[in-house]
C-alpha atoms as a PDB file:
ATOM      1  CA  UNK A   1     112.463-102.057 -34.375  1.00  0.00           C
ATOM      2  CA  UNK A   2     110.419-105.133 -32.893  1.00  0.00           C
ATOM      3  CA  UNK A   3     111.446-106.745 -29.710  1.00  0.00           C
ATOM      4  CA  UNK A   4     111.714-110.506 -29.783  1.00  0.00           C
ATOM      5  CA  UNK A   5     111.913-111.433 -26.348  1.00  0.00           C
ATOM      6  CA  UNK A   6     109.572-109.921 -23.916  1.00  0.00           C
ATOM      7  CA  UNK A   7     109.585-109.520 -20.234  1.00  0.00           C
ATOM      8  CA  UNK A   8     107.173-112.063 -19.912  1.00  0.00           C
ATOM      9  CA  UNK A   9     109.109-114.495 -21.884  1.00  0.00           C
ATOM     10  CA  UNK A  10     111.783-114.228 -19.085  1.00  0.00           C
ATOM     11  CA  UNK A  11     109.442-114.798 -16.726  1.00  0.00           C
ATOM     12  CA  UNK A  12     108.104-118.093 -18.091  1.00  0.00           C
ATOM     13  CA  UNK A  13     111.362-119.210 -18.565  1.00  0.00           C
ATOM     14  CA  UNK A  14     112.154-118.899 -15.148  1.00  0.00           C
ATOM     15  CA  UNK A  15     108.862-120.697 -14.211  1.00  0.00           C
ATOM     16  CA  UNK A  16     109.615-123.482 -16.269  1.00  0.00           C
ATOM     17  CA  UNK A  17     113.250-123.791 -14.862  1.00  0.00           C
ATOM     18  CA  UNK A  18     111.845-123.818 -11.404  1.00  0.00           C
ATOM     19  CA  UNK A  19     109.109-126.472 -12.176  1.00  0.00           C
ATOM     20  CA  UNK A  20     111.543-128.763 -13.830  1.00  0.00           C
ATOM     21  CA  UNK A  21     113.969-128.397 -10.570  1.00  0.00           C
ATOM     22  CA  UNK A  22     111.298-129.156  -8.345  1.00  0.00           C
ATOM     23  CA  UNK A  23     110.160-132.358 -10.367  1.00  0.00           C
ATOM     24  CA  UNK A  24     113.780-133.447 -10.355  1.00  0.00           C
ATOM     25  CA  UNK A  25     114.044-132.924  -6.727  1.00  0.00           C
ATOM     26  CA  UNK A  26     110.859-134.827  -6.144  1.00  0.00           C
ATOM     27  CA  UNK A  27     111.792-137.567  -8.218  1.00  0.00           C
ATOM     28  CA  UNK A  28     114.777-138.260  -6.661  1.00  0.00           C
ATOM     29  CA  UNK A  29     113.544-137.993  -2.902  1.00  0.00           C
ATOM     30  CA  UNK A  30     110.987-140.375  -3.873  1.00  0.00           C
ATOM     31  CA  UNK A  31     113.529-142.839  -5.606  1.00  0.00           C
ATOM     32  CA  UNK A  32     115.280-142.487  -2.002  1.00  0.00           C
ATOM     33  CA  UNK A  33     112.417-143.453  -0.133  1.00  0.00           C
ATOM     34  CA  UNK A  34     111.169-146.391  -2.585  1.00  0.00           C
ATOM     35  CA  UNK A  35     115.065-148.167  -2.422  1.00  0.00           C
ATOM     36  CA  UNK A  36     114.969-148.645   1.669  1.00  0.00           C
ATOM     37  CA  UNK A  37     112.254-150.908   1.434  1.00  0.00           C
ATOM     38  CA  UNK A  38     112.813-152.515  -1.980  1.00  0.00           C
ATOM     39  CA  UNK A  39     113.049-155.758  -2.743  1.00  0.00           C
ATOM     40  CA  UNK A  40     115.443-158.170  -4.556  1.00  0.00           C
ATOM     41  CA  UNK A  41     113.261-161.123  -6.483  1.00  0.00           C
ATOM     42  CA  UNK A  42     115.294-164.196  -7.850  1.00  0.00           C
ATOM     43  CA  UNK A  43     113.523-166.477 -10.009  1.00  0.00           C
ATOM     44  CA  UNK A  44     115.539-169.803 -11.344  1.00  0.00           C
ATOM     45  CA  UNK A  45     113.665-171.777 -13.997  1.00  0.00           C
ATOM     46  CA  UNK A  46     110.581-170.111 -13.806  1.00  0.00           C
ATOM     47  CA  UNK A  47     109.746-170.288 -10.078  1.00  0.00           C
ATOM     48  CA  UNK A  48     110.738-167.802  -6.996  1.00  0.00           C
ATOM     49  CA  UNK A  49     114.106-169.121  -5.869  1.00  0.00           C
ATOM     50  CA  UNK A  50     114.247-165.945  -3.132  1.00  0.00           C
ATOM     51  CA  UNK A  51     113.159-162.795  -1.874  1.00  0.00           C
ATOM     52  CA  UNK A  52     115.901-160.332   0.019  1.00  0.00           C
ATOM     53  CA  UNK A  53     115.813-157.051   1.305  1.00  0.00           C
ATOM     54  CA  UNK A  54     117.941-154.328  -1.318  1.00  0.00           C
ATOM     55  CA  UNK A  55     119.505-153.135   1.696  1.00  0.00           C
ATOM     56  CA  UNK A  56     121.335-156.020   3.123  1.00  0.00           C
ATOM     57  CA  UNK A  57     124.470-157.336   1.517  1.00  0.00           C
ATOM     58  CA  UNK A  58     124.484-160.772   0.739  1.00  0.00           C
ATOM     59  CA  UNK A  59     126.202-163.205  -1.929  1.00  0.00           C
ATOM     60  CA  UNK A  60     123.734-166.044  -3.084  1.00  0.00           C
ATOM     61  CA  UNK A  61     124.765-168.908  -5.468  1.00  0.00           C
ATOM     62  CA  UNK A  62     121.725-169.965  -7.138  1.00  0.00           C
ATOM     63  CA  UNK A  63     122.032-173.553  -9.131  1.00  0.00           C
ATOM     64  CA  UNK A  64     120.251-174.235 -12.437  1.00  0.00           C
ATOM     65  CA  UNK A  65     119.755-177.926 -12.750  1.00  0.00           C
ATOM     66  CA  UNK A  66     120.938-179.117 -16.000  1.00  0.00           C
ATOM     67  CA  UNK A  67     117.642-180.513 -17.323  1.00  0.00           C
ATOM     68  CA  UNK A  68     116.886-176.554 -17.236  1.00  0.00           C
ATOM     69  CA  UNK A  69     120.035-174.912 -18.483  1.00  0.00           C
ATOM     70  CA  UNK A  70     120.091-174.487 -22.301  1.00  0.00           C
ATOM     71  CA  UNK A  71     123.960-174.973 -22.166  1.00  0.00           C
ATOM     72  CA  UNK A  72     123.405-178.464 -20.468  1.00  0.00           C
ATOM     73  CA  UNK A  73     123.045-181.775 -21.893  1.00  0.00           C
ATOM     74  CA  UNK A  74     119.886-183.520 -20.577  1.00  0.00           C
ATOM     75  CA  UNK A  75     120.335-184.980 -17.264  1.00  0.00           C
ATOM     76  CA  UNK A  76     120.925-189.024 -16.184  1.00  0.00           C
ATOM     77  CA  UNK A  77     117.866-190.188 -13.921  1.00  0.00           C
ATOM     78  CA  UNK A  78     120.627-192.172 -12.219  1.00  0.00           C
ATOM     79  CA  UNK A  79     122.773-189.219 -11.215  1.00  0.00           C
ATOM     80  CA  UNK A  80     122.627-187.977  -7.495  1.00  0.00           C
ATOM     81  CA  UNK A  81     120.660-184.345  -7.076  1.00  0.00           C
ATOM     82  CA  UNK A  82     123.715-182.965  -5.830  1.00  0.00           C
ATOM     83  CA  UNK A  83     125.831-183.702  -9.289  1.00  0.00           C
ATOM     84  CA  UNK A  84     122.635-182.190 -11.433  1.00  0.00           C
ATOM     85  CA  UNK A  85     123.687-178.682  -9.987  1.00  0.00           C
ATOM     86  CA  UNK A  86     126.767-177.814 -12.100  1.00  0.00           C
ATOM     87  CA  UNK A  87     124.938-174.734 -13.983  1.00  0.00           C
ATOM     88  CA  UNK A  88     124.759-171.692 -11.831  1.00  0.00           C
ATOM     89  CA  UNK A  89     124.722-168.063 -11.116  1.00  0.00           C
ATOM     90  CA  UNK A  90     126.320-166.075  -8.090  1.00  0.00           C
ATOM     91  CA  UNK A  91     124.413-163.017  -7.250  1.00  0.00           C
ATOM     92  CA  UNK A  92     125.589-160.069  -5.020  1.00  0.00           C
ATOM     93  CA  UNK A  93     123.765-157.802  -3.249  1.00  0.00           C
ATOM     94  CA  UNK A  94     126.144-154.983  -1.964  1.00  0.00           C
ATOM     95  CA  UNK A  95     125.434-151.331  -1.572  1.00  0.00           C
ATOM     96  CA  UNK A  96     121.872-151.038  -2.328  1.00  0.00           C
ATOM     97  CA  UNK A  97     122.884-152.937  -5.877  1.00  0.00           C
ATOM     98  CA  UNK A  98     122.692-156.022  -7.247  1.00  0.00           C
ATOM     99  CA  UNK A  99     124.656-157.714  -9.648  1.00  0.00           C
ATOM    100  CA  UNK A 100     125.550-161.135 -11.065  1.00  0.00           C
ATOM    101  CA  UNK A 101     129.210-161.833 -10.797  1.00  0.00           C
ATOM    102  CA  UNK A 102     129.777-165.028 -12.182  1.00  0.00           C
ATOM    103  CA  UNK A 103     127.825-167.522 -14.459  1.00  0.00           C
ATOM    104  CA  UNK A 104     128.126-170.947 -15.933  1.00  0.00           C
ATOM    105  CA  UNK A 105     126.866-170.201 -19.110  1.00  0.00           C
ATOM    106  CA  UNK A 106     128.863-169.405 -21.980  1.00  0.00           C
ATOM    107  CA  UNK A 107     127.944-165.722 -23.512  1.00  0.00           C
ATOM    108  CA  UNK A 108     128.165-164.200 -20.047  1.00  0.00           C
ATOM    109  CA  UNK A 109     125.824-161.426 -20.696  1.00  0.00           C
ATOM    110  CA  UNK A 110     124.119-161.546 -17.571  1.00  0.00           C
ATOM    111  CA  UNK A 111     127.459-160.508 -15.843  1.00  0.00           C
ATOM    112  CA  UNK A 112     128.283-157.921 -18.365  1.00  0.00           C
ATOM    113  CA  UNK A 113     124.992-156.467 -17.512  1.00  0.00           C
ATOM    114  CA  UNK A 114     126.464-154.425 -14.343  1.00  0.00           C
ATOM    115  CA  UNK A 115     124.797-153.280 -11.229  1.00  0.00           C
ATOM    116  CA  UNK A 116     121.149-152.752 -10.939  1.00  0.00           C
ATOM    117  CA  UNK A 117     119.431-150.440  -7.906  1.00  0.00           C
ATOM    118  CA  UNK A 118     116.066-148.953  -9.161  1.00  0.00           C
ATOM    119  CA  UNK A 119     112.600-151.033  -8.700  1.00  0.00           C
ATOM    120  CA  UNK A 120     111.719-152.230 -12.447  1.00  0.00           C
ATOM    121  CA  UNK A 121     115.168-153.012 -13.274  1.00  0.00           C
ATOM    122  CA  UNK A 122     116.284-156.787 -14.147  1.00  0.00           C
ATOM    123  CA  UNK A 123     119.034-159.033 -14.912  1.00  0.00           C
ATOM    124  CA  UNK A 124     118.434-161.941 -17.330  1.00  0.00           C
ATOM    125  CA  UNK A 125     120.368-165.017 -17.606  1.00  0.00           C
ATOM    126  CA  UNK A 126     118.567-167.057 -20.554  1.00  0.00           C
ATOM    127  CA  UNK A 127     120.671-170.523 -20.643  1.00  0.00           C
ATOM    128  CA  UNK A 128     120.167-171.012 -16.816  1.00  0.00           C
ATOM    129  CA  UNK A 129     116.628-169.510 -16.937  1.00  0.00           C
ATOM    130  CA  UNK A 130     117.483-166.529 -14.194  1.00  0.00           C
ATOM    131  CA  UNK A 131     115.917-163.208 -13.417  1.00  0.00           C
ATOM    132  CA  UNK A 132     116.795-161.120 -10.989  1.00  0.00           C
ATOM    133  CA  UNK A 133     114.670-157.864 -10.493  1.00  0.00           C
ATOM    134  CA  UNK A 134     114.040-155.456  -7.915  1.00  0.00           C
ATOM    135  CA  UNK A 135     110.510-154.316  -6.850  1.00  0.00           C
ATOM    136  CA  UNK A 136     109.138-152.028  -4.454  1.00  0.00           C
ATOM    137  CA  UNK A 137     108.679-153.485  -1.194  1.00  0.00           C
ATOM    138  CA  UNK A 138     105.404-151.921  -0.853  1.00  0.00           C
ATOM    139  CA  UNK A 139     103.799-153.461  -3.970  1.00  0.00           C
ATOM    140  CA  UNK A 140     102.551-157.124  -3.312  1.00  0.00           C
ATOM    141  CA  UNK A 141     102.000-157.540  -7.280  1.00  0.00           C
ATOM    142  CA  UNK A 142      98.666-158.931  -8.513  1.00  0.00           C
ATOM    143  CA  UNK A 143      97.251-155.751  -8.860  1.00  0.00           C
ATOM    144  CA  UNK A 144      95.906-153.428 -11.993  1.00  0.00           C
ATOM    145  CA  UNK A 145      97.988-150.731 -12.984  1.00  0.00           C
ATOM    146  CA  UNK A 146      97.583-148.175 -16.286  1.00  0.00           C
ATOM    147  CA  UNK A 147      98.810-150.618 -18.680  1.00  0.00           C
ATOM    148  CA  UNK A 148      96.535-153.651 -17.898  1.00  0.00           C
ATOM    149  CA  UNK A 149      93.260-151.645 -16.373  1.00  0.00           C
END
């Protein structure tokens, strides 16, 4: 009778499981280290609005000018500057997570998105042209990576 599972197969299986667990632990530890210096980047209308550490709790109201928001009518040039900010998003940074909790847009996709916490994740509100993303604090951007090289 032929034996299907050999001693070498069992040893190989154990080595693969141990390697997988070690890789998982290394990724988890590197995520925690990256999260300690991660930055929240908020862009409104295509321009940088603010940059905050992910570790500090805060609430930010990000206005979108009427002439930028897709949901808004064209701005009246005679209006005061404060009247041109009827469209907004409320961004909350809390517990090393970022979420958009309130928005003036109709579809509320950014609010329904939920919280983000890892570098590379983002929340987008298209009508108000808002982008909230998390970047690793050690990266200043503008460099080459494996995709652009």
